[in-house]
Amino acid sequence: MLELSHVYKVFNANTVNEKIALKDLSLTLNNGDFVTVIGGNGAGKSTMLNAIAGVWRVDAGKITIDGVDVTAMPEHRRAKFLGRVFQDPMLGTAADMGIEENLALAARRGKVRGLGWGIGKAERAKYREKLATLDLGLENRMTSKVGLLSGGQRQALTLLMATLQQPKLLLLDEHTAALDPKTAAKVLALTDQLVNENRLTTLMITHNMKDAIAHGNRLIMMHEGRVILDIAGEDKKKLTVDDLLAKFSVASGSEFANDRAMLS
């Protein structure tokens, strides 16, 4: 479903501030893989997601989504392949629009739009049913502006919007990092539910090692712009945080450097 082949990305090339963010990065995700991504500070995690989403062009290499070469494709054209949830709950939704209006925008992503009633009766009923599955009471607040929702409610809605059209690839960029532990756990449970129900191929960046181990069927660890560990199946299920830190030290030749991950 996703293939990154020998991808390079350099920022501020040929200056004193040159930073090689992705270095000969290769990664393949099979259909239905739920891959958690962890790494130290500046490992290239978010750069990889932004490269996949087309936020910026890579300097070398190839990116393929479901057999389609998207390497040179602009960000807005890749949107039909992708669902994405950001770290900041304020991103991914239109704060001044209602809940049902945000869902309608998500439902029409990548489709031809014409003149007509914005949301019909059948469509509204569908949204009410979808919102009820979140168990947050949002089905009774469909006309409320999204800006009035809490961070957790907003992330839950963004998750629903991102999966509404069952994208080829779901990108989760530390989507629980700004939430309190209790809310984060609820959003992660919802993530598992939506991913499993829709059999979505998913790439989830997290700074929490326990979450990286507990969720998904594969775990990759990045260091200096490349994948240094790729653990799946029974080996992943048996992992502990101490095991992961030890494996990182052996693979990278250095100590793990991510304050948030260590504190988590």
C-alpha atoms as a PDB file:
ATOM      1  CA  MET A   1       0.000   0.000   0.000  1.00  0.00           C
ATOM      2  CA  LEU A   2       2.963   2.313   0.664  1.00  0.00           C
ATOM      3  CA  GLU A   3       6.496   2.112  -0.615  1.00  0.00           C
ATOM      4  CA  LEU A   4       9.302   4.547   0.113  1.00  0.00           C
ATOM      5  CA  SER A   5      12.373   3.756  -1.957  1.00  0.00           C
ATOM      6  CA  HIS A   6      15.753   5.378  -1.227  1.00  0.00           C
ATOM      7  CA  VAL A   7      14.215   8.689  -0.172  1.00  0.00           C
ATOM      8  CA  TYR A   8      16.411  11.677   0.682  1.00  0.00           C
ATOM      9  CA  LYS A   9      15.404  15.069   2.071  1.00  0.00           C
ATOM     10  CA  VAL A  10      17.901  17.810   2.907  1.00  0.00           C
ATOM     11  CA  PHE A  11      17.015  21.176   4.416  1.00  0.00           C
ATOM     12  CA  ASN A  12      19.212  24.270   3.903  1.00  0.00           C
ATOM     13  CA  ALA A  13      21.493  22.399   1.504  1.00  0.00           C
ATOM     14  CA  ASN A  14      25.025  23.719   1.040  1.00  0.00           C
ATOM     15  CA  THR A  15      24.792  26.069   4.020  1.00  0.00           C
ATOM     16  CA  VAL A  16      26.122  25.946   7.574  1.00  0.00           C
ATOM     17  CA  ASN A  17      22.598  24.962   8.644  1.00  0.00           C
ATOM     18  CA  GLU A  18      22.381  21.946   6.324  1.00  0.00           C
ATOM     19  CA  LYS A  19      20.304  19.154   7.848  1.00  0.00           C
ATOM     20  CA  ILE A  20      19.890  15.715   6.275  1.00  0.00           C
ATOM     21  CA  ALA A  21      16.395  14.837   7.507  1.00  0.00           C
ATOM     22  CA  LEU A  22      15.866  11.630   5.480  1.00  0.00           C
ATOM     23  CA  LYS A  23      18.823   9.546   4.413  1.00  0.00           C
ATOM     24  CA  ASP A  24      18.296   6.680   1.953  1.00  0.00           C
ATOM     25  CA  LEU A  25      14.986   5.869   3.639  1.00  0.00           C
ATOM     26  CA  SER A  26      13.233   2.739   2.380  1.00  0.00           C
ATOM     27  CA  LEU A  27      10.032   1.358   3.879  1.00  0.00           C
ATOM     28  CA  THR A  28       7.189  -0.853   2.670  1.00  0.00           C
ATOM     29  CA  LEU A  29       3.727  -1.121   4.256  1.00  0.00           C
ATOM     30  CA  ASN A  30       1.486  -3.972   3.193  1.00  0.00           C
ATOM     31  CA  ASN A  31      -2.265  -3.548   2.903  1.00  0.00           C
ATOM     32  CA  GLY A  32      -3.737  -3.444   6.428  1.00  0.00           C
ATOM     33  CA  ASP A  33      -0.454  -2.852   8.269  1.00  0.00           C
ATOM     34  CA  PHE A  34      -0.736  -0.683  11.394  1.00  0.00           C
ATOM     35  CA  VAL A  35       2.799   0.575  11.948  1.00  0.00           C
ATOM     36  CA  THR A  36       3.860   2.616  14.970  1.00  0.00           C
ATOM     37  CA  VAL A  37       6.895   4.879  14.533  1.00  0.00           C
ATOM     38  CA  ILE A  38       9.210   5.991  17.303  1.00  0.00           C
ATOM     39  CA  GLY A  39      12.612   7.655  17.355  1.00  0.00           C
ATOM     40  CA  GLY A  40      14.850  10.191  19.045  1.00  0.00           C
ATOM     41  CA  ASN A  41      14.828  13.938  18.560  1.00  0.00           C
ATOM     42  CA  GLY A  42      15.368  14.833  14.903  1.00  0.00           C
ATOM     43  CA  ALA A  43      15.116  11.211  13.747  1.00  0.00           C
ATOM     44  CA  GLY A  44      13.007  12.180  10.719  1.00  0.00           C
ATOM     45  CA  LYS A  45       9.600  10.890  11.815  1.00  0.00           C
ATOM     46  CA  SER A  46       7.484  13.951  10.988  1.00  0.00           C
ATOM     47  CA  THR A  47       9.625  14.689   7.923  1.00  0.00           C
ATOM     48  CA  MET A  48       8.735  11.232   6.611  1.00  0.00           C
ATOM     49  CA  LEU A  49       4.989  11.839   7.109  1.00  0.00           C
ATOM     50  CA  ASN A  50       5.209  15.253   5.463  1.00  0.00           C
ATOM     51  CA  ALA A  51       7.079  13.730   2.527  1.00  0.00           C
ATOM     52  CA  ILE A  52       4.358  11.098   2.107  1.00  0.00           C
ATOM     53  CA  ALA A  53       1.652  13.774   2.315  1.00  0.00           C
ATOM     54  CA  GLY A  54       3.436  15.991  -0.212  1.00  0.00           C
ATOM     55  CA  VAL A  55       3.990  18.945   2.105  1.00  0.00           C
ATOM     56  CA  TRP A  56       7.366  19.184   0.422  1.00  0.00           C
ATOM     57  CA  ARG A  57       9.141  17.419  -2.426  1.00  0.00           C
ATOM     58  CA  VAL A  58      11.842  14.905  -1.631  1.00  0.00           C
ATOM     59  CA  ASP A  59      15.294  15.471  -3.116  1.00  0.00           C
ATOM     60  CA  ALA A  60      15.703  11.910  -4.327  1.00  0.00           C
ATOM     61  CA  GLY A  61      13.908   8.581  -4.207  1.00  0.00           C
ATOM     62  CA  LYS A  62      10.390   7.406  -4.960  1.00  0.00           C
ATOM     63  CA  ILE A  63       7.079   7.364  -3.057  1.00  0.00           C
ATOM     64  CA  THR A  64       4.308   4.991  -4.178  1.00  0.00           C
ATOM     65  CA  ILE A  65       0.794   4.702  -2.697  1.00  0.00           C
ATOM     66  CA  ASP A  66      -1.285   1.697  -3.770  1.00  0.00           C
ATOM     67  CA  GLY A  67       0.775   1.309  -6.925  1.00  0.00           C
ATOM     68  CA  VAL A  68       0.570   5.004  -7.901  1.00  0.00           C
ATOM     69  CA  ASP A  69       3.820   6.989  -8.094  1.00  0.00           C
ATOM     70  CA  VAL A  70       3.051  10.174  -6.131  1.00  0.00           C
ATOM     71  CA  THR A  71       6.627  11.448  -5.850  1.00  0.00           C
ATOM     72  CA  ALA A  72       5.983  14.491  -8.050  1.00  0.00           C
ATOM     73  CA  MET A  73       2.288  14.826  -7.195  1.00  0.00           C
ATOM     74  CA  PRO A  74       1.308  18.050  -5.342  1.00  0.00           C
ATOM     75  CA  GLU A  75      -0.168  17.885  -1.858  1.00  0.00           C
ATOM     76  CA  HIS A  76      -3.779  18.645  -2.856  1.00  0.00           C
ATOM     77  CA  ARG A  77      -3.816  15.808  -5.394  1.00  0.00           C
ATOM     78  CA  ARG A  78      -2.524  13.294  -2.837  1.00  0.00           C
ATOM     79  CA  ALA A  79      -5.399  14.165  -0.489  1.00  0.00           C
ATOM     80  CA  LYS A  80      -7.684  11.586  -2.125  1.00  0.00           C
ATOM     81  CA  PHE A  81      -5.291   8.816  -1.040  1.00  0.00           C
ATOM     82  CA  LEU A  82      -4.732   9.995   2.525  1.00  0.00           C
ATOM     83  CA  GLY A  83      -6.367  10.642   5.866  1.00  0.00           C
ATOM     84  CA  ARG A  84      -4.355  12.607   8.402  1.00  0.00           C
ATOM     85  CA  VAL A  85      -4.632  13.618  12.052  1.00  0.00           C
ATOM     86  CA  PHE A  86      -2.172  16.148  13.471  1.00  0.00           C
ATOM     87  CA  GLN A  87      -0.697  16.651  16.943  1.00  0.00           C
ATOM     88  CA  ASP A  88      -2.520  19.951  17.402  1.00  0.00           C
ATOM     89  CA  PRO A  89      -6.275  19.388  17.958  1.00  0.00           C
ATOM     90  CA  MET A  90      -6.883  22.790  16.318  1.00  0.00           C
ATOM     91  CA  LEU A  91      -5.681  21.452  12.958  1.00  0.00           C
ATOM     92  CA  GLY A  92      -7.678  19.209  10.657  1.00  0.00           C
ATOM     93  CA  THR A  93     -11.061  20.869  11.282  1.00  0.00           C
ATOM     94  CA  ALA A  94     -12.741  24.201  10.494  1.00  0.00           C
ATOM     95  CA  ALA A  95     -13.401  25.791  13.898  1.00  0.00           C
ATOM     96  CA  ASP A  96     -16.123  28.209  12.738  1.00  0.00           C
ATOM     97  CA  MET A  97     -18.150  25.518  10.993  1.00  0.00           C
ATOM     98  CA  GLY A  98     -20.537  23.024  12.571  1.00  0.00           C
ATOM     99  CA  ILE A  99     -19.741  19.376  13.299  1.00  0.00           C
ATOM    100  CA  GLU A 100     -21.974  18.135  10.470  1.00  0.00           C
ATOM    101  CA  GLU A 101     -20.466  20.705   8.073  1.00  0.00           C
ATOM    102  CA  ASN A 102     -16.956  19.473   8.867  1.00  0.00           C
ATOM    103  CA  LEU A 103     -18.054  15.892   8.208  1.00  0.00           C
ATOM    104  CA  ALA A 104     -19.622  16.984   4.915  1.00  0.00           C
ATOM    105  CA  LEU A 105     -16.332  18.573   3.842  1.00  0.00           C
ATOM    106  CA  ALA A 106     -14.483  15.357   4.687  1.00  0.00           C
ATOM    107  CA  ALA A 107     -17.042  13.276   2.766  1.00  0.00           C
ATOM    108  CA  ARG A 108     -16.508  15.384  -0.358  1.00  0.00           C
ATOM    109  CA  ARG A 109     -12.716  15.420  -0.319  1.00  0.00           C
ATOM    110  CA  GLY A 110     -11.350  14.632  -3.762  1.00  0.00           C
ATOM    111  CA  LYS A 111     -14.805  14.593  -5.365  1.00  0.00           C
ATOM    112  CA  VAL A 112     -16.349  16.874  -7.964  1.00  0.00           C
ATOM    113  CA  ARG A 113     -18.601  19.451  -6.286  1.00  0.00           C
ATOM    114  CA  GLY A 114     -21.622  21.203  -7.725  1.00  0.00           C
ATOM    115  CA  LEU A 115     -24.484  23.433  -6.643  1.00  0.00           C
ATOM    116  CA  GLY A 116     -27.130  21.913  -4.393  1.00  0.00           C
ATOM    117  CA  TRP A 117     -28.225  21.549  -0.786  1.00  0.00           C
ATOM    118  CA  GLY A 118     -25.181  21.183   1.440  1.00  0.00           C
ATOM    119  CA  ILE A 119     -26.385  18.306   3.613  1.00  0.00           C
ATOM    120  CA  GLY A 120     -29.432  16.184   2.856  1.00  0.00           C
ATOM    121  CA  LYS A 121     -31.627  14.303   5.308  1.00  0.00           C
ATOM    122  CA  ALA A 122     -30.072  10.894   4.561  1.00  0.00           C
ATOM    123  CA  GLU A 123     -26.559  12.288   4.843  1.00  0.00           C
ATOM    124  CA  ARG A 124     -27.364  13.932   8.186  1.00  0.00           C
ATOM    125  CA  ALA A 125     -28.714  10.628   9.503  1.00  0.00           C
ATOM    126  CA  LYS A 126     -25.508   8.894   8.419  1.00  0.00           C
ATOM    127  CA  TYR A 127     -23.377  11.442  10.291  1.00  0.00           C
ATOM    128  CA  ARG A 128     -25.530  11.086  13.401  1.00  0.00           C
ATOM    129  CA  GLU A 129     -24.972   7.329  13.330  1.00  0.00           C
ATOM    130  CA  LYS A 130     -21.214   7.720  12.865  1.00  0.00           C
ATOM    131  CA  LEU A 131     -20.940  10.270  15.674  1.00  0.00           C
ATOM    132  CA  ALA A 132     -22.886   8.032  18.045  1.00  0.00           C
ATOM    133  CA  THR A 133     -20.118   5.409  17.765  1.00  0.00           C
ATOM    134  CA  LEU A 134     -17.700   7.868  19.386  1.00  0.00           C
ATOM    135  CA  ASP A 135     -19.763   7.772  22.604  1.00  0.00           C
ATOM    136  CA  LEU A 136     -19.147  11.479  23.228  1.00  0.00           C
ATOM    137  CA  GLY A 137     -22.672  12.825  22.732  1.00  0.00           C
ATOM    138  CA  LEU A 138     -21.643  14.712  19.598  1.00  0.00           C
ATOM    139  CA  GLU A 139     -24.591  13.242  17.670  1.00  0.00           C
ATOM    140  CA  ASN A 140     -26.763  15.600  19.715  1.00  0.00           C
ATOM    141  CA  ARG A 141     -24.608  18.642  18.909  1.00  0.00           C
ATOM    142  CA  MET A 142     -24.267  18.349  15.136  1.00  0.00           C
ATOM    143  CA  THR A 143     -24.827  22.053  14.469  1.00  0.00           C
ATOM    144  CA  SER A 144     -22.413  23.184  17.205  1.00  0.00           C
ATOM    145  CA  LYS A 145     -19.260  24.905  16.032  1.00  0.00           C
ATOM    146  CA  VAL A 146     -16.206  22.666  16.247  1.00  0.00           C
ATOM    147  CA  GLY A 147     -14.271  25.451  17.974  1.00  0.00           C
ATOM    148  CA  LEU A 148     -16.447  24.871  21.061  1.00  0.00           C
ATOM    149  CA  LEU A 149     -15.292  21.255  21.468  1.00  0.00           C
ATOM    150  CA  SER A 150     -12.609  20.069  23.883  1.00  0.00           C
ATOM    151  CA  GLY A 151      -9.262  18.866  22.548  1.00  0.00           C
ATOM    152  CA  GLY A 152     -10.226  15.211  22.956  1.00  0.00           C
ATOM    153  CA  GLN A 153     -13.607  15.677  21.286  1.00  0.00           C
ATOM    154  CA  ARG A 154     -11.947  17.501  18.439  1.00  0.00           C
ATOM    155  CA  GLN A 155      -9.332  14.792  17.901  1.00  0.00           C
ATOM    156  CA  ALA A 156     -12.046  12.138  17.942  1.00  0.00           C
ATOM    157  CA  LEU A 157     -13.986  14.093  15.316  1.00  0.00           C
ATOM    158  CA  THR A 158     -10.833  14.588  13.231  1.00  0.00           C
ATOM    159  CA  LEU A 159     -10.195  10.843  13.369  1.00  0.00           C
ATOM    160  CA  LEU A 160     -13.720  10.174  12.163  1.00  0.00           C
ATOM    161  CA  MET A 161     -13.293  12.721   9.355  1.00  0.00           C
ATOM    162  CA  ALA A 162      -9.935  11.244   8.330  1.00  0.00           C
ATOM    163  CA  THR A 163     -11.409   7.727   8.057  1.00  0.00           C
ATOM    164  CA  LEU A 164     -14.804   8.656   6.599  1.00  0.00           C
ATOM    165  CA  GLN A 165     -13.806   7.797   3.032  1.00  0.00           C
ATOM    166  CA  GLN A 166     -11.585   4.872   4.048  1.00  0.00           C
ATOM    167  CA  PRO A 167      -8.313   6.326   2.736  1.00  0.00           C
ATOM    168  CA  LYS A 168      -5.577   4.210   1.216  1.00  0.00           C
ATOM    169  CA  LEU A 169      -3.285   5.370   4.024  1.00  0.00           C
ATOM    170  CA  LEU A 170      -3.980   6.926   7.437  1.00  0.00           C
ATOM    171  CA  LEU A 171      -1.236   9.178   8.839  1.00  0.00           C
ATOM    172  CA  LEU A 172      -1.275   9.907  12.586  1.00  0.00           C
ATOM    173  CA  ASP A 173       1.331  12.468  13.652  1.00  0.00           C
ATOM    174  CA  GLU A 174       1.548  12.210  17.459  1.00  0.00           C
ATOM    175  CA  HIS A 175      -2.207  12.742  17.519  1.00  0.00           C
ATOM    176  CA  THR A 176      -2.514  12.187  21.284  1.00  0.00           C
ATOM    177  CA  ALA A 177       0.558  14.149  22.414  1.00  0.00           C
ATOM    178  CA  ALA A 178      -1.405  17.317  23.307  1.00  0.00           C
ATOM    179  CA  LEU A 179      -4.053  15.442  25.327  1.00  0.00           C
ATOM    180  CA  ASP A 180      -4.171  14.491  28.998  1.00  0.00           C
ATOM    181  CA  PRO A 181      -3.453  10.783  29.699  1.00  0.00           C
ATOM    182  CA  LYS A 182      -7.104   9.778  30.195  1.00  0.00           C
ATOM    183  CA  THR A 183      -8.272  11.518  27.012  1.00  0.00           C
ATOM    184  CA  ALA A 184      -5.258  10.214  25.082  1.00  0.00           C
ATOM    185  CA  ALA A 185      -6.144   6.642  26.072  1.00  0.00           C
ATOM    186  CA  LYS A 186      -9.710   7.128  24.842  1.00  0.00           C
ATOM    187  CA  VAL A 187      -8.546   8.564  21.506  1.00  0.00           C
ATOM    188  CA  LEU A 188      -6.108   5.660  21.079  1.00  0.00           C
ATOM    189  CA  ALA A 189      -8.890   3.159  21.771  1.00  0.00           C
ATOM    190  CA  LEU A 190     -10.987   4.915  19.134  1.00  0.00           C
ATOM    191  CA  THR A 191      -8.014   4.785  16.766  1.00  0.00           C
ATOM    192  CA  ASP A 192      -7.753   1.009  17.184  1.00  0.00           C
ATOM    193  CA  GLN A 193     -11.498   0.675  16.624  1.00  0.00           C
ATOM    194  CA  LEU A 194     -11.595   2.719  13.414  1.00  0.00           C
ATOM    195  CA  VAL A 195      -8.426   1.170  11.994  1.00  0.00           C
ATOM    196  CA  ASN A 196      -9.596  -2.386  12.676  1.00  0.00           C
ATOM    197  CA  GLU A 197     -13.188  -1.864  11.500  1.00  0.00           C
ATOM    198  CA  ASN A 198     -12.072  -0.302   8.211  1.00  0.00           C
ATOM    199  CA  ARG A 199      -8.885  -2.379   7.831  1.00  0.00           C
ATOM    200  CA  LEU A 200      -6.905   0.784   7.220  1.00  0.00           C
ATOM    201  CA  THR A 201      -3.211   0.827   6.442  1.00  0.00           C
ATOM    202  CA  THR A 202      -1.877   3.156   9.132  1.00  0.00           C
ATOM    203  CA  LEU A 203       1.351   4.917  10.052  1.00  0.00           C
ATOM    204  CA  MET A 204       1.292   6.312  13.608  1.00  0.00           C
ATOM    205  CA  ILE A 205       4.076   8.429  15.075  1.00  0.00           C
ATOM    206  CA  THR A 206       4.178   8.424  18.860  1.00  0.00           C
ATOM    207  CA  HIS A 207       6.617   9.628  21.511  1.00  0.00           C
ATOM    208  CA  ASN A 208       5.241   7.092  23.987  1.00  0.00           C
ATOM    209  CA  MET A 209       7.154   3.809  23.885  1.00  0.00           C
ATOM    210  CA  LYS A 210       4.414   1.885  25.705  1.00  0.00           C
ATOM    211  CA  ASP A 211       1.855   3.052  23.125  1.00  0.00           C
ATOM    212  CA  ALA A 212       4.224   2.141  20.293  1.00  0.00           C
ATOM    213  CA  ILE A 213       4.462  -1.397  21.667  1.00  0.00           C
ATOM    214  CA  ALA A 214       0.775  -1.791  22.579  1.00  0.00           C
ATOM    215  CA  HIS A 215      -0.748  -0.645  19.282  1.00  0.00           C
ATOM    216  CA  GLY A 216      -0.397  -1.928  15.746  1.00  0.00           C
ATOM    217  CA  ASN A 217       1.147  -5.053  14.259  1.00  0.00           C
ATOM    218  CA  ARG A 218       4.538  -3.498  13.447  1.00  0.00           C
ATOM    219  CA  LEU A 219       6.922  -1.106  15.150  1.00  0.00           C
ATOM    220  CA  ILE A 220       9.698   0.784  13.413  1.00  0.00           C
ATOM    221  CA  MET A 221      12.331   2.936  15.047  1.00  0.00           C
ATOM    222  CA  MET A 222      14.036   5.749  13.150  1.00  0.00           C
ATOM    223  CA  HIS A 223      17.444   7.306  13.697  1.00  0.00           C
ATOM    224  CA  GLU A 224      19.181   9.975  11.624  1.00  0.00           C
ATOM    225  CA  GLY A 225      16.627   9.808   8.834  1.00  0.00           C
ATOM    226  CA  ARG A 226      16.433   6.068   8.313  1.00  0.00           C
ATOM    227  CA  VAL A 227      14.786   2.958   9.775  1.00  0.00           C
ATOM    228  CA  ILE A 228      17.103   1.068  12.114  1.00  0.00           C
ATOM    229  CA  LEU A 229      14.575  -1.327  13.693  1.00  0.00           C
ATOM    230  CA  ASP A 230      11.527  -3.049  12.205  1.00  0.00           C
ATOM    231  CA  ILE A 231       9.771  -5.416  14.616  1.00  0.00           C
ATOM    232  CA  ALA A 232       6.519  -7.279  13.887  1.00  0.00           C
ATOM    233  CA  GLY A 233       4.315 -10.155  14.984  1.00  0.00           C
ATOM    234  CA  GLU A 234       5.206 -12.168  18.073  1.00  0.00           C
ATOM    235  CA  ASP A 235       8.521 -10.347  18.505  1.00  0.00           C
ATOM    236  CA  LYS A 236       6.611  -7.080  18.884  1.00  0.00           C
ATOM    237  CA  LYS A 237       4.111  -8.546  21.341  1.00  0.00           C
ATOM    238  CA  LYS A 238       6.954  -9.678  23.609  1.00  0.00           C
ATOM    239  CA  LEU A 239       8.702  -6.291  23.609  1.00  0.00           C
ATOM    240  CA  THR A 240       9.218  -4.194  26.718  1.00  0.00           C
ATOM    241  CA  VAL A 241      10.441  -0.606  26.922  1.00  0.00           C
ATOM    242  CA  ASP A 242      13.791  -1.840  28.265  1.00  0.00           C
ATOM    243  CA  ASP A 243      14.098  -4.248  25.324  1.00  0.00           C
ATOM    244  CA  LEU A 244      13.386  -1.412  22.901  1.00  0.00           C
ATOM    245  CA  LEU A 245      15.986   0.875  24.472  1.00  0.00           C
ATOM    246  CA  ALA A 246      18.569  -1.908  24.378  1.00  0.00           C
ATOM    247  CA  LYS A 247      17.836  -2.715  20.733  1.00  0.00           C
ATOM    248  CA  PHE A 248      18.089   0.982  19.846  1.00  0.00           C
ATOM    249  CA  SER A 249      21.515   1.259  21.507  1.00  0.00           C
ATOM    250  CA  VAL A 250      22.819  -1.753  19.585  1.00  0.00           C
ATOM    251  CA  ALA A 251      21.368  -0.652  16.234  1.00  0.00           C
ATOM    252  CA  SER A 252      22.383   3.014  16.466  1.00  0.00           C
ATOM    253  CA  GLY A 253      25.528   2.839  18.575  1.00  0.00           C
ATOM    254  CA  SER A 254      24.183   5.585  20.839  1.00  0.00           C
ATOM    255  CA  GLU A 255      21.748   6.250  23.670  1.00  0.00           C
ATOM    256  CA  PHE A 256      18.111   7.042  22.919  1.00  0.00           C
ATOM    257  CA  ALA A 257      17.581  10.836  22.985  1.00  0.00           C
ATOM    258  CA  ASN A 258      13.968  11.913  23.344  1.00  0.00           C
ATOM    259  CA  ASP A 259      12.969  13.579  26.585  1.00  0.00           C
ATOM    260  CA  ARG A 260       9.207  13.200  26.038  1.00  0.00           C
ATOM    261  CA  ALA A 261       9.568   9.516  25.231  1.00  0.00           C
ATOM    262  CA  MET A 262      11.659   8.866  28.320  1.00  0.00           C
ATOM    263  CA  LEU A 263       9.254  10.777  30.582  1.00  0.00           C
ATOM    264  CA  SER A 264       6.310   8.863  29.122  1.00  0.00           C
END
